[in-house]
Protein backbone atom coordinates (compact mmCIF):
# COMPACT_ATOMS: atom_id res chain seq x y z
CA MET A 1 40.76 0.91 76.39
CA LYS A 2 40.22 4.74 76.27
CA GLU A 3 38.25 6.58 78.89
CA ILE A 4 35.60 8.94 77.50
CA ILE A 5 34.05 11.55 79.76
CA PHE A 6 30.47 12.51 79.13
CA ALA A 7 28.64 15.74 79.97
CA VAL A 8 25.06 15.08 81.06
CA LYS A 9 22.26 17.64 81.01
CA ASP A 10 18.48 17.74 81.08
CA SER A 11 16.75 17.46 77.71
CA GLU A 12 14.22 20.09 76.66
CA GLU A 13 11.83 17.28 75.71
CA GLY A 14 12.29 15.51 79.06
CA GLY A 15 14.92 12.94 80.05
CA TYR A 16 18.64 13.46 79.71
CA ILE A 17 21.23 14.03 76.99
CA ALA A 18 24.86 12.95 77.19
CA SER A 19 27.73 14.09 74.94
CA GLY A 20 31.26 12.81 74.88
CA LEU A 21 33.79 15.53 75.67
CA ASN A 22 36.18 15.93 72.68
CA TYR A 23 34.28 13.23 70.79
CA SER A 24 31.24 13.30 68.46
CA ILE A 25 29.28 10.93 70.60
CA PHE A 26 25.73 11.79 71.65
CA THR A 27 22.94 9.70 73.29
CA ASP A 28 19.85 10.22 75.35
CA GLY A 29 17.59 8.44 77.79
CA ASP A 30 14.36 9.00 79.70
CA THR A 31 16.03 8.15 83.03
CA LEU A 32 19.62 8.29 84.22
CA GLU A 33 19.73 4.52 84.35
CA GLU A 34 18.57 4.28 80.70
CA LEU A 35 21.10 6.98 79.75
CA LYS A 36 23.89 4.97 81.44
CA GLU A 37 22.86 1.83 79.59
CA ASN A 38 22.86 3.73 76.24
CA ILE A 39 26.36 5.14 76.93
CA ILE A 40 27.78 1.65 77.74
CA SER A 41 26.22 -0.06 74.68
């Protein structure tokens, strides 16, 4: 299994955005817990 590192930042619309470093993976969430769940799934 590969390890993917995500950069997390505040979204302009509220909540958070995560992007995979060196990968075209993007997700968002209203809370950090929701963001974590979205990254895992």
